[in-house]
Amino acid sequence: MGFEVGWVLGVKIMKNKKANKNKTKNRKLPRWLQPVLWSYDISKMNTKEDKDLIIEQVLNYGTMKEIKWLFDTYSLREIKKVIKNPSRGMWDSRILNHWMRIFRINLHPIVYEMSIKNLNPQPEKWIKWFNFLKRKASKESLERWKDLELLRRH
């Protein structure tokens, strides 16, 4: 999707904010979404259980038709939640920046960095990520990590 097209679509979507409730019903996906979800069997997926994956993939790789379907299928709240909680290594930086601007979302720099696809090994980035997680982890998680010897000094 070109940036201009996405920007126009984003502006139209934001002007039409009537969709705040969860719209998601448990429905099968249209077959024409297969190119966006190329590594998944869409006949076994549905709009409710696979919501986060579908939203991420369509925002990253979708055409105007697929993005329009996405905003007709999911509420702005559901879409915004996925952008606020991006999966690690799933996003193209330009695309994530685009949707963050449209929805006026600011991500923690480490969360942003970890969500961007990058095939180069960067151990320092993983150390930052793990330290970030340690600060947010529960006592039970920290104990489990100690038992697994994940809390060693680097």
C-alpha atoms as a PDB file:
ATOM      1  CA  MET A   1       0.000   0.000   0.000  1.00  0.00           C
ATOM      2  CA  GLY A   2       1.353   3.405  -0.924  1.00  0.00           C
ATOM      3  CA  PHE A   3       1.858   5.901   1.866  1.00  0.00           C
ATOM      4  CA  GLU A   4      -0.506   8.455   0.282  1.00  0.00           C
ATOM      5  CA  VAL A   5      -3.304   5.920  -0.041  1.00  0.00           C
ATOM      6  CA  GLY A   6      -2.781   4.744   3.540  1.00  0.00           C
ATOM      7  CA  TRP A   7      -2.730   8.314   4.813  1.00  0.00           C
ATOM      8  CA  VAL A   8      -6.000   9.170   3.057  1.00  0.00           C
ATOM      9  CA  LEU A   9      -7.611   5.976   4.324  1.00  0.00           C
ATOM     10  CA  GLY A  10      -6.320   6.673   7.844  1.00  0.00           C
ATOM     11  CA  VAL A  11      -7.769  10.183   7.843  1.00  0.00           C
ATOM     12  CA  LYS A  12     -11.135   8.889   6.617  1.00  0.00           C
ATOM     13  CA  ILE A  13     -11.124   6.232   9.314  1.00  0.00           C
ATOM     14  CA  MET A  14     -10.284   8.672  12.089  1.00  0.00           C
ATOM     15  CA  LYS A  15     -13.073  11.024  10.986  1.00  0.00           C
ATOM     16  CA  ASN A  16     -15.539   8.166  11.162  1.00  0.00           C
ATOM     17  CA  LYS A  17     -14.913   7.128  14.801  1.00  0.00           C
ATOM     18  CA  LYS A  18     -18.332   5.618  15.413  1.00  0.00           C
ATOM     19  CA  ALA A  19     -16.857   2.126  15.935  1.00  0.00           C
ATOM     20  CA  ASN A  20     -15.763   1.988  19.570  1.00  0.00           C
ATOM     21  CA  LYS A  21     -17.459  -1.216  20.643  1.00  0.00           C
ATOM     22  CA  ASN A  22     -16.076  -4.636  19.863  1.00  0.00           C
ATOM     23  CA  LYS A  23     -17.456  -5.496  16.446  1.00  0.00           C
ATOM     24  CA  THR A  24     -15.743  -8.828  16.192  1.00  0.00           C
ATOM     25  CA  LYS A  25     -17.955 -11.795  15.607  1.00  0.00           C
ATOM     26  CA  ASN A  26     -16.579 -15.267  15.204  1.00  0.00           C
ATOM     27  CA  ARG A  27     -16.534 -15.435  11.399  1.00  0.00           C
ATOM     28  CA  LYS A  28     -14.484 -17.229   8.785  1.00  0.00           C
ATOM     29  CA  LEU A  29     -12.055 -15.158   6.736  1.00  0.00           C
ATOM     30  CA  PRO A  30     -12.688 -14.287   3.099  1.00  0.00           C
ATOM     31  CA  ARG A  31     -10.525 -16.334   0.710  1.00  0.00           C
ATOM     32  CA  TRP A  32      -9.070 -13.199  -0.866  1.00  0.00           C
ATOM     33  CA  LEU A  33      -7.187 -12.511   2.405  1.00  0.00           C
ATOM     34  CA  GLN A  34      -4.897 -15.516   1.778  1.00  0.00           C
ATOM     35  CA  PRO A  35      -2.096 -13.414   0.161  1.00  0.00           C
ATOM     36  CA  VAL A  36      -1.848 -11.309   3.343  1.00  0.00           C
ATOM     37  CA  LEU A  37      -1.813 -14.418   5.553  1.00  0.00           C
ATOM     38  CA  TRP A  38       0.360 -16.458   3.185  1.00  0.00           C
ATOM     39  CA  SER A  39       1.846 -18.803   5.778  1.00  0.00           C
ATOM     40  CA  TYR A  40      -1.447 -19.656   7.471  1.00  0.00           C
ATOM     41  CA  ASP A  41      -4.355 -21.879   6.553  1.00  0.00           C
ATOM     42  CA  ILE A  42      -7.159 -19.320   6.551  1.00  0.00           C
ATOM     43  CA  SER A  43      -9.805 -22.040   6.402  1.00  0.00           C
ATOM     44  CA  LYS A  44      -8.832 -22.835  10.025  1.00  0.00           C
ATOM     45  CA  MET A  45      -8.771 -19.205  11.174  1.00  0.00           C
ATOM     46  CA  ASN A  46     -11.577 -16.956  12.344  1.00  0.00           C
ATOM     47  CA  THR A  47     -11.943 -13.249  13.017  1.00  0.00           C
ATOM     48  CA  LYS A  48     -12.235 -13.566  16.773  1.00  0.00           C
ATOM     49  CA  GLU A  49      -9.620 -16.115  17.837  1.00  0.00           C
ATOM     50  CA  ASP A  50      -6.949 -14.896  15.407  1.00  0.00           C
ATOM     51  CA  LYS A  51      -7.765 -11.197  15.723  1.00  0.00           C
ATOM     52  CA  ASP A  52      -4.308  -9.865  16.659  1.00  0.00           C
ATOM     53  CA  LEU A  53      -2.492 -11.792  13.940  1.00  0.00           C
ATOM     54  CA  ILE A  54      -5.025 -10.790  11.280  1.00  0.00           C
ATOM     55  CA  ILE A  55      -4.879  -7.109  12.255  1.00  0.00           C
ATOM     56  CA  GLU A  56      -1.054  -7.063  12.241  1.00  0.00           C
ATOM     57  CA  GLN A  57      -0.767  -8.833   8.912  1.00  0.00           C
ATOM     58  CA  VAL A  58      -3.399  -6.700   7.163  1.00  0.00           C
ATOM     59  CA  LEU A  59      -1.931  -3.438   8.499  1.00  0.00           C
ATOM     60  CA  ASN A  60       1.545  -4.550   7.374  1.00  0.00           C
ATOM     61  CA  TYR A  61       0.764  -6.073   3.985  1.00  0.00           C
ATOM     62  CA  GLY A  62      -2.812  -5.264   3.050  1.00  0.00           C
ATOM     63  CA  THR A  63      -4.120  -3.432   0.008  1.00  0.00           C
ATOM     64  CA  MET A  64      -6.888  -0.838   0.190  1.00  0.00           C
ATOM     65  CA  LYS A  65      -9.515  -3.584  -0.171  1.00  0.00           C
ATOM     66  CA  GLU A  66      -8.055  -5.618   2.703  1.00  0.00           C
ATOM     67  CA  ILE A  67      -7.565  -2.608   4.974  1.00  0.00           C
ATOM     68  CA  LYS A  68     -11.122  -1.453   4.330  1.00  0.00           C
ATOM     69  CA  TRP A  69     -12.331  -4.962   5.249  1.00  0.00           C
ATOM     70  CA  LEU A  70     -10.214  -4.791   8.431  1.00  0.00           C
ATOM     71  CA  PHE A  71     -11.828  -1.528   9.567  1.00  0.00           C
ATOM     72  CA  ASP A  72     -15.273  -2.869   8.699  1.00  0.00           C
ATOM     73  CA  THR A  73     -14.589  -6.047  10.693  1.00  0.00           C
ATOM     74  CA  TYR A  74     -12.808  -4.692  13.790  1.00  0.00           C
ATOM     75  CA  SER A  75     -13.412  -1.643  15.961  1.00  0.00           C
ATOM     76  CA  LEU A  76     -10.910   1.194  16.203  1.00  0.00           C
ATOM     77  CA  ARG A  77     -10.300   0.160  19.811  1.00  0.00           C
ATOM     78  CA  GLU A  78      -9.350  -3.386  18.762  1.00  0.00           C
ATOM     79  CA  ILE A  79      -7.033  -2.152  16.004  1.00  0.00           C
ATOM     80  CA  LYS A  80      -5.421   0.452  18.226  1.00  0.00           C
ATOM     81  CA  LYS A  81      -4.803  -2.162  20.941  1.00  0.00           C
ATOM     82  CA  VAL A  82      -2.838  -4.307  18.465  1.00  0.00           C
ATOM     83  CA  ILE A  83      -0.721  -1.305  17.417  1.00  0.00           C
ATOM     84  CA  LYS A  84      -0.089  -0.383  21.071  1.00  0.00           C
ATOM     85  CA  ASN A  85       1.055  -3.967  21.788  1.00  0.00           C
ATOM     86  CA  PRO A  86       3.034  -4.937  18.685  1.00  0.00           C
ATOM     87  CA  SER A  87       4.354  -8.478  18.354  1.00  0.00           C
ATOM     88  CA  ARG A  88       8.107  -8.895  18.342  1.00  0.00           C
ATOM     89  CA  GLY A  89       9.673  -8.866  14.905  1.00  0.00           C
ATOM     90  CA  MET A  90       6.380  -8.605  13.007  1.00  0.00           C
ATOM     91  CA  TRP A  91       6.377  -5.009  11.765  1.00  0.00           C
ATOM     92  CA  ASP A  92       8.010  -3.050   8.979  1.00  0.00           C
ATOM     93  CA  SER A  93       9.292   0.185  10.538  1.00  0.00           C
ATOM     94  CA  ARG A  94       7.659   2.468   7.938  1.00  0.00           C
ATOM     95  CA  ILE A  95       4.299   0.760   8.329  1.00  0.00           C
ATOM     96  CA  LEU A  96       4.348   0.821  12.134  1.00  0.00           C
ATOM     97  CA  ASN A  97       5.386   4.493  12.114  1.00  0.00           C
ATOM     98  CA  HIS A  98       2.539   5.249   9.724  1.00  0.00           C
ATOM     99  CA  TRP A  99      -0.149   3.621  11.879  1.00  0.00           C
ATOM    100  CA  MET A 100       1.339   5.084  15.075  1.00  0.00           C
ATOM    101  CA  ARG A 101       1.014   8.557  13.527  1.00  0.00           C
ATOM    102  CA  ILE A 102      -2.554   7.968  12.374  1.00  0.00           C
ATOM    103  CA  PHE A 103      -3.664   6.669  15.782  1.00  0.00           C
ATOM    104  CA  ARG A 104      -1.394   9.059  17.730  1.00  0.00           C
ATOM    105  CA  ILE A 105       0.348   6.226  19.576  1.00  0.00           C
ATOM    106  CA  ASN A 106       3.747   6.496  21.268  1.00  0.00           C
ATOM    107  CA  LEU A 107       5.538   3.266  22.079  1.00  0.00           C
ATOM    108  CA  HIS A 108       8.366   2.764  24.547  1.00  0.00           C
ATOM    109  CA  PRO A 109      11.591   2.814  22.450  1.00  0.00           C
ATOM    110  CA  ILE A 110      12.500  -0.751  23.424  1.00  0.00           C
ATOM    111  CA  VAL A 111       9.018  -2.057  22.594  1.00  0.00           C
ATOM    112  CA  TYR A 112       9.196  -0.261  19.233  1.00  0.00           C
ATOM    113  CA  GLU A 113      12.685  -1.558  18.466  1.00  0.00           C
ATOM    114  CA  MET A 114      11.753  -5.155  19.277  1.00  0.00           C
ATOM    115  CA  SER A 115       8.625  -5.062  17.131  1.00  0.00           C
ATOM    116  CA  ILE A 116      10.556  -4.178  13.959  1.00  0.00           C
ATOM    117  CA  LYS A 117      11.645  -6.986  11.633  1.00  0.00           C
ATOM    118  CA  ASN A 118      15.425  -7.312  11.691  1.00  0.00           C
ATOM    119  CA  LEU A 119      17.337 -10.355  10.507  1.00  0.00           C
ATOM    120  CA  ASN A 120      20.683  -9.220  11.917  1.00  0.00           C
ATOM    121  CA  PRO A 121      21.586 -10.695  15.302  1.00  0.00           C
ATOM    122  CA  GLN A 122      21.808  -7.904  17.873  1.00  0.00           C
ATOM    123  CA  PRO A 123      22.527  -9.330  21.325  1.00  0.00           C
ATOM    124  CA  GLU A 124      22.609  -5.882  22.953  1.00  0.00           C
ATOM    125  CA  LYS A 125      19.038  -5.303  21.822  1.00  0.00           C
ATOM    126  CA  TRP A 126      17.922  -8.577  23.442  1.00  0.00           C
ATOM    127  CA  ILE A 127      19.676  -7.660  26.683  1.00  0.00           C
ATOM    128  CA  LYS A 128      17.819  -4.318  26.734  1.00  0.00           C
ATOM    129  CA  TRP A 129      14.544  -6.149  25.993  1.00  0.00           C
ATOM    130  CA  PHE A 130      15.081  -8.684  28.768  1.00  0.00           C
ATOM    131  CA  ASN A 131      15.982  -5.944  31.274  1.00  0.00           C
ATOM    132  CA  PHE A 132      12.840  -4.065  30.244  1.00  0.00           C
ATOM    133  CA  LEU A 133      10.768  -7.207  30.848  1.00  0.00           C
ATOM    134  CA  LYS A 134      12.434  -7.805  34.237  1.00  0.00           C
ATOM    135  CA  ARG A 135      11.257  -4.380  35.423  1.00  0.00           C
ATOM    136  CA  LYS A 136       7.671  -5.247  34.465  1.00  0.00           C
ATOM    137  CA  ALA A 137       7.696  -8.891  35.566  1.00  0.00           C
ATOM    138  CA  SER A 138       5.793 -10.299  38.508  1.00  0.00           C
ATOM    139  CA  LYS A 139       7.563 -11.930  41.458  1.00  0.00           C
ATOM    140  CA  GLU A 140       6.433 -15.354  40.203  1.00  0.00           C
ATOM    141  CA  SER A 141       7.981 -14.733  36.786  1.00  0.00           C
ATOM    142  CA  LEU A 142      11.234 -13.536  38.320  1.00  0.00           C
ATOM    143  CA  GLU A 143      11.410 -16.669  40.489  1.00  0.00           C
ATOM    144  CA  ARG A 144      10.734 -18.878  37.462  1.00  0.00           C
ATOM    145  CA  TRP A 145      13.446 -17.052  35.485  1.00  0.00           C
ATOM    146  CA  LYS A 146      15.900 -17.570  38.364  1.00  0.00           C
ATOM    147  CA  ASP A 147      15.110 -21.284  38.395  1.00  0.00           C
ATOM    148  CA  LEU A 148      15.761 -21.401  34.648  1.00  0.00           C
ATOM    149  CA  GLU A 149      19.006 -19.475  35.167  1.00  0.00           C
ATOM    150  CA  LEU A 150      17.836 -16.660  32.920  1.00  0.00           C
ATOM    151  CA  LEU A 151      18.860 -13.914  35.347  1.00  0.00           C
ATOM    152  CA  ARG A 152      22.610 -14.285  34.960  1.00  0.00           C
ATOM    153  CA  ARG A 153      24.717 -11.175  34.442  1.00  0.00           C
ATOM    154  CA  HIS A 154      25.728 -10.465  30.865  1.00  0.00           C
END
